[in-house]
Amino acid sequence: MTSMTFGQKKFIPTAPEKGSFPLDHEGQCKKLMLYYMRCLRANNDDNSACRQESKAYLQCRMDNNLMAKEEFSKLGFADLESESAKKSEQK
């Protein structure tokens, strides 16, 4: 049986701004995801030890339009970007 909902407003769902993106159905970034998962397992789920793998996975998702392009500093990788800039300056 249905309930009487004559006076209620229609619910219109909206997508969240961040934290939700399309699934990788074609497996374009699966290899990088597996590297990240192996790193987590090897480091007792300490994600701070796997930041390079995480960054590479997110870069793959951005390159394949599986998530919006975003600066890594806004995603919490500002320190990794400054390290890579220092290394490129030294060479």
PDB file of N, CA and C in Angstrom:
ATOM      1  N   MET A   1       0.826  -1.179   0.000  1.00  0.00           N
ATOM      2  CA  MET A   1       0.000   0.000   0.000  1.00  0.00           C
ATOM      3  C   MET A   1       0.872   1.244   0.000  1.00  0.00           C
ATOM      4  N   THR A   2       0.400   2.273  -0.567  1.00  0.00           N
ATOM      5  CA  THR A   2       1.138   3.531  -0.582  1.00  0.00           C
ATOM      6  C   THR A   2       0.623   4.450   0.499  1.00  0.00           C
ATOM      7  N   SER A   3       1.475   5.319   0.942  1.00  0.00           N
ATOM      8  CA  SER A   3       1.067   6.273   1.969  1.00  0.00           C
ATOM      9  C   SER A   3       0.601   7.560   1.307  1.00  0.00           C
ATOM     10  N   MET A   4      -0.146   8.321   2.027  1.00  0.00           N
ATOM     11  CA  MET A   4      -0.660   9.584   1.525  1.00  0.00           C
ATOM     12  C   MET A   4       0.427  10.652   1.698  1.00  0.00           C
ATOM     13  N   THR A   5       0.903  11.226   0.605  1.00  0.00           N
ATOM     14  CA  THR A   5       1.967  12.226   0.667  1.00  0.00           C
ATOM     15  C   THR A   5       1.583  13.466  -0.125  1.00  0.00           C
ATOM     16  N   PHE A   6       0.373  13.909  -0.013  1.00  0.00           N
ATOM     17  CA  PHE A   6      -0.082  15.031  -0.833  1.00  0.00           C
ATOM     18  C   PHE A   6       0.568  16.361  -0.453  1.00  0.00           C
ATOM     19  N   GLY A   7       0.839  16.604   0.815  1.00  0.00           N
ATOM     20  CA  GLY A   7       1.354  17.898   1.224  1.00  0.00           C
ATOM     21  C   GLY A   7       2.870  17.983   1.273  1.00  0.00           C
ATOM     22  N   GLN A   8       3.571  16.899   0.960  1.00  0.00           N
ATOM     23  CA  GLN A   8       5.024  16.897   1.062  1.00  0.00           C
ATOM     24  C   GLN A   8       5.680  17.438  -0.198  1.00  0.00           C
ATOM     25  N   LYS A   9       6.852  18.067  -0.001  1.00  0.00           N
ATOM     26  CA  LYS A   9       7.635  18.549  -1.139  1.00  0.00           C
ATOM     27  C   LYS A   9       8.355  17.382  -1.790  1.00  0.00           C
ATOM     28  N   LYS A  10       8.612  17.520  -3.059  1.00  0.00           N
ATOM     29  CA  LYS A  10       9.323  16.485  -3.792  1.00  0.00           C
ATOM     30  C   LYS A  10      10.804  16.560  -3.440  1.00  0.00           C
ATOM     31  N   PHE A  11      11.404  15.423  -3.110  1.00  0.00           N
ATOM     32  CA  PHE A  11      12.820  15.355  -2.763  1.00  0.00           C
ATOM     33  C   PHE A  11      13.646  15.311  -4.039  1.00  0.00           C
ATOM     34  N   ILE A  12      14.589  16.238  -4.168  1.00  0.00           N
ATOM     35  CA  ILE A  12      15.486  16.268  -5.326  1.00  0.00           C
ATOM     36  C   ILE A  12      16.912  16.075  -4.804  1.00  0.00           C
ATOM     37  N   PRO A  13      17.505  14.912  -5.032  1.00  0.00           N
ATOM     38  CA  PRO A  13      18.849  14.668  -4.530  1.00  0.00           C
ATOM     39  C   PRO A  13      19.892  15.472  -5.297  1.00  0.00           C
ATOM     40  N   THR A  14      20.935  15.894  -4.607  1.00  0.00           N
ATOM     41  CA  THR A  14      22.048  16.595  -5.249  1.00  0.00           C
ATOM     42  C   THR A  14      23.335  15.859  -4.921  1.00  0.00           C
ATOM     43  N   ALA A  15      24.241  15.858  -5.858  1.00  0.00           N
ATOM     44  CA  ALA A  15      25.518  15.174  -5.663  1.00  0.00           C
ATOM     45  C   ALA A  15      26.422  16.000  -4.766  1.00  0.00           C
ATOM     46  N   PRO A  16      27.277  15.351  -3.987  1.00  0.00           N
ATOM     47  CA  PRO A  16      28.214  16.098  -3.151  1.00  0.00           C
ATOM     48  C   PRO A  16      29.282  16.765  -4.000  1.00  0.00           C
ATOM     49  N   GLU A  17      29.857  17.851  -3.478  1.00  0.00           N
ATOM     50  CA  GLU A  17      30.891  18.552  -4.229  1.00  0.00           C
ATOM     51  C   GLU A  17      32.155  17.721  -4.349  1.00  0.00           C
ATOM     52  N   LYS A  18      32.582  17.097  -3.259  1.00  0.00           N
ATOM     53  CA  LYS A  18      33.797  16.289  -3.271  1.00  0.00           C
ATOM     54  C   LYS A  18      33.513  14.948  -2.609  1.00  0.00           C
ATOM     55  N   GLY A  19      34.368  13.983  -2.905  1.00  0.00           N
ATOM     56  CA  GLY A  19      34.248  12.695  -2.252  1.00  0.00           C
ATOM     57  C   GLY A  19      33.442  11.683  -3.035  1.00  0.00           C
ATOM     58  N   SER A  20      32.894  12.062  -4.162  1.00  0.00           N
ATOM     59  CA  SER A  20      32.121  11.135  -4.967  1.00  0.00           C
ATOM     60  C   SER A  20      32.507  11.326  -6.429  1.00  0.00           C
ATOM     61  N   PHE A  21      32.901  10.255  -7.072  1.00  0.00           N
ATOM     62  CA  PHE A  21      33.260  10.348  -8.478  1.00  0.00           C
ATOM     63  C   PHE A  21      32.949   9.028  -9.156  1.00  0.00           C
ATOM     64  N   PRO A  22      32.926   9.016 -10.486  1.00  0.00           N
ATOM     65  CA  PRO A  22      32.532   7.798 -11.207  1.00  0.00           C
ATOM     66  C   PRO A  22      33.446   6.610 -10.906  1.00  0.00           C
ATOM     67  N   LEU A  23      32.869   5.437 -10.954  1.00  0.00           N
ATOM     68  CA  LEU A  23      33.647   4.216 -10.797  1.00  0.00           C
ATOM     69  C   LEU A  23      34.504   3.988 -12.031  1.00  0.00           C
ATOM     70  N   ASP A  24      35.597   3.301 -11.854  1.00  0.00           N
ATOM     71  CA  ASP A  24      36.527   3.008 -12.941  1.00  0.00           C
ATOM     72  C   ASP A  24      36.119   1.683 -13.582  1.00  0.00           C
ATOM     73  N   HIS A  25      35.034   1.695 -14.340  1.00  0.00           N
ATOM     74  CA  HIS A  25      34.502   0.471 -14.929  1.00  0.00           C
ATOM     75  C   HIS A  25      35.463  -0.176 -15.923  1.00  0.00           C
ATOM     76  N   GLU A  26      36.251   0.634 -16.619  1.00  0.00           N
ATOM     77  CA  GLU A  26      37.163   0.088 -17.633  1.00  0.00           C
ATOM     78  C   GLU A  26      38.516  -0.290 -17.045  1.00  0.00           C
ATOM     79  N   GLY A  27      38.736  -0.038 -15.778  1.00  0.00           N
ATOM     80  CA  GLY A  27      39.978  -0.425 -15.124  1.00  0.00           C
ATOM     81  C   GLY A  27      41.184   0.391 -15.554  1.00  0.00           C
ATOM     82  N   GLN A  28      40.967   1.649 -15.926  1.00  0.00           N
ATOM     83  CA  GLN A  28      42.061   2.482 -16.413  1.00  0.00           C
ATOM     84  C   GLN A  28      43.105   2.752 -15.327  1.00  0.00           C
ATOM     85  N   CYS A  29      42.692   2.831 -14.089  1.00  0.00           N
ATOM     86  CA  CYS A  29      43.606   3.140 -12.986  1.00  0.00           C
ATOM     87  C   CYS A  29      43.723   1.985 -11.996  1.00  0.00           C
ATOM     88  N   LYS A  30      43.328   0.804 -12.419  1.00  0.00           N
ATOM     89  CA  LYS A  30      43.308  -0.337 -11.512  1.00  0.00           C
ATOM     90  C   LYS A  30      44.704  -0.708 -11.031  1.00  0.00           C
ATOM     91  N   LYS A  31      45.682  -0.642 -11.915  1.00  0.00           N
ATOM     92  CA  LYS A  31      47.047  -0.997 -11.559  1.00  0.00           C
ATOM     93  C   LYS A  31      47.565  -0.093 -10.440  1.00  0.00           C
ATOM     94  N   LEU A  32      47.325   1.209 -10.549  1.00  0.00           N
ATOM     95  CA  LEU A  32      47.768   2.152  -9.527  1.00  0.00           C
ATOM     96  C   LEU A  32      47.000   1.962  -8.219  1.00  0.00           C
ATOM     97  N   MET A  33      45.728   1.614  -8.338  1.00  0.00           N
ATOM     98  CA  MET A  33      44.933   1.338  -7.142  1.00  0.00           C
ATOM     99  C   MET A  33      45.487   0.111  -6.411  1.00  0.00           C
ATOM    100  N   LEU A  34      45.893  -0.907  -7.165  1.00  0.00           N
ATOM    101  CA  LEU A  34      46.457  -2.107  -6.546  1.00  0.00           C
ATOM    102  C   LEU A  34      47.801  -1.814  -5.881  1.00  0.00           C
ATOM    103  N   TYR A  35      48.635  -0.948  -6.499  1.00  0.00           N
ATOM    104  CA  TYR A  35      49.889  -0.547  -5.864  1.00  0.00           C
ATOM    105  C   TYR A  35      49.607   0.129  -4.524  1.00  0.00           C
ATOM    106  N   TYR A  36      48.612   0.989  -4.514  1.00  0.00           N
ATOM    107  CA  TYR A  36      48.247   1.690  -3.286  1.00  0.00           C
ATOM    108  C   TYR A  36      47.749   0.705  -2.224  1.00  0.00           C
ATOM    109  N   MET A  37      46.900  -0.217  -2.614  1.00  0.00           N
ATOM    110  CA  MET A  37      46.363  -1.191  -1.667  1.00  0.00           C
ATOM    111  C   MET A  37      47.471  -2.100  -1.121  1.00  0.00           C
ATOM    112  N   ARG A  38      48.417  -2.507  -1.976  1.00  0.00           N
ATOM    113  CA  ARG A  38      49.543  -3.323  -1.510  1.00  0.00           C
ATOM    114  C   ARG A  38      50.399  -2.542  -0.525  1.00  0.00           C
ATOM    115  N   CYS A  39      50.606  -1.268  -0.822  1.00  0.00           N
ATOM    116  CA  CYS A  39      51.382  -0.425   0.078  1.00  0.00           C
ATOM    117  C   CYS A  39      50.700  -0.321   1.435  1.00  0.00           C
ATOM    118  N   LEU A  40      49.396  -0.143   1.427  1.00  0.00           N
ATOM    119  CA  LEU A  40      48.655  -0.082   2.693  1.00  0.00           C
ATOM    120  C   LEU A  40      48.816  -1.372   3.487  1.00  0.00           C
ATOM    121  N   ARG A  41      48.684  -2.486   2.808  1.00  0.00           N
ATOM    122  CA  ARG A  41      48.799  -3.778   3.490  1.00  0.00           C
ATOM    123  C   ARG A  41      50.203  -3.965   4.052  1.00  0.00           C
ATOM    124  N   ALA A  42      51.216  -3.563   3.281  1.00  0.00           N
ATOM    125  CA  ALA A  42      52.600  -3.718   3.734  1.00  0.00           C
ATOM    126  C   ALA A  42      52.931  -2.803   4.908  1.00  0.00           C
ATOM    127  N   ASN A  43      52.193  -1.705   5.052  1.00  0.00           N
ATOM    128  CA  ASN A  43      52.465  -0.732   6.107  1.00  0.00           C
ATOM    129  C   ASN A  43      51.384  -0.712   7.180  1.00  0.00           C
ATOM    130  N   ASN A  44      50.713  -1.835   7.366  1.00  0.00           N
ATOM    131  CA  ASN A  44      49.673  -1.961   8.392  1.00  0.00           C
ATOM    132  C   ASN A  44      48.629  -0.857   8.302  1.00  0.00           C
ATOM    133  N   ASP A  45      48.165  -0.584   7.106  1.00  0.00           N
ATOM    134  CA  ASP A  45      47.121   0.406   6.817  1.00  0.00           C
ATOM    135  C   ASP A  45      47.495   1.824   7.248  1.00  0.00           C
ATOM    136  N   ASP A  46      48.786   2.140   7.246  1.00  0.00           N
ATOM    137  CA  ASP A  46      49.252   3.496   7.546  1.00  0.00           C
ATOM    138  C   ASP A  46      49.308   4.268   6.233  1.00  0.00           C
ATOM    139  N   ASN A  47      48.278   5.069   5.971  1.00  0.00           N
ATOM    140  CA  ASN A  47      48.200   5.747   4.682  1.00  0.00           C
ATOM    141  C   ASN A  47      49.265   6.821   4.506  1.00  0.00           C
ATOM    142  N   SER A  48      49.861   7.305   5.591  1.00  0.00           N
ATOM    143  CA  SER A  48      50.913   8.313   5.447  1.00  0.00           C
ATOM    144  C   SER A  48      52.165   7.727   4.794  1.00  0.00           C
ATOM    145  N   ALA A  49      52.339   6.423   4.884  1.00  0.00           N
ATOM    146  CA  ALA A  49      53.481   5.774   4.245  1.00  0.00           C
ATOM    147  C   ALA A  49      53.252   5.536   2.760  1.00  0.00           C
ATOM    148  N   CYS A  50      52.043   5.743   2.283  1.00  0.00           N
ATOM    149  CA  CYS A  50      51.696   5.435   0.887  1.00  0.00           C
ATOM    150  C   CYS A  50      51.221   6.678   0.124  1.00  0.00           C
ATOM    151  N   ARG A  51      51.716   7.825   0.487  1.00  0.00           N
ATOM    152  CA  ARG A  51      51.221   9.061  -0.121  1.00  0.00           C
ATOM    153  C   ARG A  51      51.605   9.179  -1.593  1.00  0.00           C
ATOM    154  N   GLN A  52      52.788   8.695  -1.982  1.00  0.00           N
ATOM    155  CA  GLN A  52      53.197   8.752  -3.393  1.00  0.00           C
ATOM    156  C   GLN A  52      52.252   7.905  -4.246  1.00  0.00           C
ATOM    157  N   GLU A  53      51.907   6.729  -3.755  1.00  0.00           N
ATOM    158  CA  GLU A  53      50.996   5.853  -4.492  1.00  0.00           C
ATOM    159  C   GLU A  53      49.606   6.469  -4.590  1.00  0.00           C
ATOM    160  N   SER A  54      49.172   7.094  -3.514  1.00  0.00           N
ATOM    161  CA  SER A  54      47.869   7.750  -3.509  1.00  0.00           C
ATOM    162  C   SER A  54      47.835   8.899  -4.510  1.00  0.00           C
ATOM    163  N   LYS A  55      48.889   9.677  -4.538  1.00  0.00           N
ATOM    164  CA  LYS A  55      48.978  10.804  -5.470  1.00  0.00           C
ATOM    165  C   LYS A  55      48.973  10.308  -6.919  1.00  0.00           C
ATOM    166  N   ALA A  56      49.705   9.241  -7.190  1.00  0.00           N
ATOM    167  CA  ALA A  56      49.745   8.686  -8.548  1.00  0.00           C
ATOM    168  C   ALA A  56      48.360   8.186  -8.970  1.00  0.00           C
ATOM    169  N   TYR A  57      47.640   7.558  -8.047  1.00  0.00           N
ATOM    170  CA  TYR A  57      46.296   7.068  -8.343  1.00  0.00           C
ATOM    171  C   TYR A  57      45.343   8.220  -8.647  1.00  0.00           C
ATOM    172  N   LEU A  58      45.392   9.269  -7.835  1.00  0.00           N
ATOM    173  CA  LEU A  58      44.529  10.424  -8.080  1.00  0.00           C
ATOM    174  C   LEU A  58      44.895  11.117  -9.390  1.00  0.00           C
ATOM    175  N   GLN A  59      46.192  11.172  -9.718  1.00  0.00           N
ATOM    176  CA  GLN A  59      46.618  11.769 -10.987  1.00  0.00           C
ATOM    177  C   GLN A  59      46.046  10.973 -12.160  1.00  0.00           C
ATOM    178  N   CYS A  60      46.064   9.658 -12.054  1.00  0.00           N
ATOM    179  CA  CYS A  60      45.496   8.812 -13.100  1.00  0.00           C
ATOM    180  C   CYS A  60      44.006   9.091 -13.267  1.00  0.00           C
ATOM    181  N   ARG A  61      43.283   9.208 -12.160  1.00  0.00           N
ATOM    182  CA  ARG A  61      41.844   9.482 -12.225  1.00  0.00           C
ATOM    183  C   ARG A  61      41.573  10.822 -12.879  1.00  0.00           C
ATOM    184  N   MET A  62      42.396  11.822 -12.566  1.00  0.00           N
ATOM    185  CA  MET A  62      42.209  13.136 -13.181  1.00  0.00           C
ATOM    186  C   MET A  62      42.522  13.092 -14.664  1.00  0.00           C
ATOM    187  N   ASP A  63      43.583  12.382 -15.036  1.00  0.00           N
ATOM    188  CA  ASP A  63      43.974  12.285 -16.440  1.00  0.00           C
ATOM    189  C   ASP A  63      42.934  11.570 -17.287  1.00  0.00           C
ATOM    190  N   ASN A  64      42.183  10.649 -16.687  1.00  0.00           N
ATOM    191  CA  ASN A  64      41.178   9.868 -17.410  1.00  0.00           C
ATOM    192  C   ASN A  64      39.750  10.378 -17.182  1.00  0.00           C
ATOM    193  N   ASN A  65      39.628  11.600 -16.679  1.00  0.00           N
ATOM    194  CA  ASN A  65      38.332  12.242 -16.441  1.00  0.00           C
ATOM    195  C   ASN A  65      37.411  11.420 -15.541  1.00  0.00           C
ATOM    196  N   LEU A  66      38.012  10.749 -14.562  1.00  0.00           N
ATOM    197  CA  LEU A  66      37.222  10.009 -13.581  1.00  0.00           C
ATOM    198  C   LEU A  66      36.980  10.842 -12.331  1.00  0.00           C
ATOM    199  N   MET A  67      37.608  11.997 -12.271  1.00  0.00           N
ATOM    200  CA  MET A  67      37.353  12.971 -11.217  1.00  0.00           C
ATOM    201  C   MET A  67      37.768  14.344 -11.734  1.00  0.00           C
ATOM    202  N   ALA A  68      37.269  15.367 -11.107  1.00  0.00           N
ATOM    203  CA  ALA A  68      37.586  16.725 -11.535  1.00  0.00           C
ATOM    204  C   ALA A  68      39.059  17.012 -11.294  1.00  0.00           C
ATOM    205  N   LYS A  69      39.667  17.752 -12.209  1.00  0.00           N
ATOM    206  CA  LYS A  69      41.058  18.137 -12.035  1.00  0.00           C
ATOM    207  C   LYS A  69      41.156  19.134 -10.888  1.00  0.00           C
ATOM    208  N   GLU A  70      42.100  18.873 -10.018  1.00  0.00           N
ATOM    209  CA  GLU A  70      42.259  19.685  -8.814  1.00  0.00           C
ATOM    210  C   GLU A  70      43.744  19.802  -8.515  1.00  0.00           C
ATOM    211  N   GLU A  71      44.145  20.912  -7.947  1.00  0.00           N
ATOM    212  CA  GLU A  71      45.543  21.079  -7.556  1.00  0.00           C
ATOM    213  C   GLU A  71      45.840  20.130  -6.396  1.00  0.00           C
ATOM    214  N   PHE A  72      47.017  19.516  -6.429  1.00  0.00           N
ATOM    215  CA  PHE A  72      47.364  18.562  -5.380  1.00  0.00           C
ATOM    216  C   PHE A  72      47.505  19.235  -4.028  1.00  0.00           C
ATOM    217  N   SER A  73      47.842  20.507  -4.021  1.00  0.00           N
ATOM    218  CA  SER A  73      47.944  21.201  -2.731  1.00  0.00           C
ATOM    219  C   SER A  73      46.584  21.259  -2.041  1.00  0.00           C
ATOM    220  N   LYS A  74      45.504  21.308  -2.816  1.00  0.00           N
ATOM    221  CA  LYS A  74      44.166  21.320  -2.241  1.00  0.00           C
ATOM    222  C   LYS A  74      43.719  19.930  -1.798  1.00  0.00           C
ATOM    223  N   LEU A  75      44.400  18.915  -2.278  1.00  0.00           N
ATOM    224  CA  LEU A  75      44.073  17.537  -1.914  1.00  0.00           C
ATOM    225  C   LEU A  75      44.962  17.015  -0.791  1.00  0.00           C
ATOM    226  N   GLY A  76      45.801  17.890  -0.240  1.00  0.00           N
ATOM    227  CA  GLY A  76      46.647  17.503   0.878  1.00  0.00           C
ATOM    228  C   GLY A  76      48.022  17.018   0.495  1.00  0.00           C
ATOM    229  N   PHE A  77      48.460  17.315  -0.713  1.00  0.00           N
ATOM    230  CA  PHE A  77      49.767  16.867  -1.178  1.00  0.00           C
ATOM    231  C   PHE A  77      50.730  18.027  -1.417  1.00  0.00           C
ATOM    232  N   ALA A  78      50.547  19.144  -0.735  1.00  0.00           N
ATOM    233  CA  ALA A  78      51.395  20.324  -0.938  1.00  0.00           C
ATOM    234  C   ALA A  78      52.848  20.006  -0.595  1.00  0.00           C
ATOM    235  N   ASP A  79      53.069  19.241   0.464  1.00  0.00           N
ATOM    236  CA  ASP A  79      54.435  18.904   0.865  1.00  0.00           C
ATOM    237  C   ASP A  79      55.131  18.025  -0.167  1.00  0.00           C
ATOM    238  N   LEU A  80      54.412  17.123  -0.816  1.00  0.00           N
ATOM    239  CA  LEU A  80      55.020  16.276  -1.848  1.00  0.00           C
ATOM    240  C   LEU A  80      55.376  17.090  -3.075  1.00  0.00           C
ATOM    241  N   GLU A  81      54.570  18.090  -3.411  1.00  0.00           N
ATOM    242  CA  GLU A  81      54.865  18.931  -4.563  1.00  0.00           C
ATOM    243  C   GLU A  81      56.092  19.788  -4.306  1.00  0.00           C
ATOM    244  N   SER A  82      56.239  20.293  -3.094  1.00  0.00           N
ATOM    245  CA  SER A  82      57.411  21.114  -2.776  1.00  0.00           C
ATOM    246  C   SER A  82      58.675  20.259  -2.792  1.00  0.00           C
ATOM    247  N   GLU A  83      58.588  18.997  -2.352  1.00  0.00           N
ATOM    248  CA  GLU A  83      59.739  18.094  -2.398  1.00  0.00           C
ATOM    249  C   GLU A  83      60.151  17.814  -3.832  1.00  0.00           C
ATOM    250  N   SER A  84      59.191  17.558  -4.714  1.00  0.00           N
ATOM    251  CA  SER A  84      59.525  17.266  -6.110  1.00  0.00           C
ATOM    252  C   SER A  84      60.077  18.504  -6.804  1.00  0.00           C
ATOM    253  N   ALA A  85      59.620  19.692  -6.426  1.00  0.00           N
ATOM    254  CA  ALA A  85      60.154  20.927  -7.006  1.00  0.00           C
ATOM    255  C   ALA A  85      61.605  21.138  -6.577  1.00  0.00           C
ATOM    256  N   LYS A  86      61.901  20.835  -5.301  1.00  0.00           N
ATOM    257  CA  LYS A  86      63.274  20.963  -4.812  1.00  0.00           C
ATOM    258  C   LYS A  86      64.212  19.992  -5.530  1.00  0.00           C
ATOM    259  N   LYS A  87      63.747  18.755  -5.744  1.00  0.00           N
ATOM    260  CA  LYS A  87      64.565  17.754  -6.422  1.00  0.00           C
ATOM    261  C   LYS A  87      64.838  18.151  -7.866  1.00  0.00           C
ATOM    262  N   SER A  88      63.852  18.728  -8.562  1.00  0.00           N
ATOM    263  CA  SER A  88      64.055  19.126  -9.955  1.00  0.00           C
ATOM    264  C   SER A  88      64.988  20.332 -10.057  1.00  0.00           C
ATOM    265  N   GLU A  89      65.001  21.205  -9.031  1.00  0.00           N
ATOM    266  CA  GLU A  89      65.901  22.348  -9.026  1.00  0.00           C
ATOM    267  C   GLU A  89      67.343  21.908  -8.809  1.00  0.00           C
ATOM    268  N   GLN A  90      67.560  20.850  -8.035  1.00  0.00           N
ATOM    269  CA  GLN A  90      68.900  20.382  -7.723  1.00  0.00           C
ATOM    270  C   GLN A  90      69.556  19.693  -8.913  1.00  0.00           C
ATOM    271  N   LYS A  91      68.791  19.186  -9.840  1.00  0.00           N
ATOM    272  CA  LYS A  91      69.337  18.435 -10.995  1.00  0.00           C
ATOM    273  C   LYS A  91      69.860  19.352 -12.044  1.00  0.00           C
TER     274      LYS A  91
END
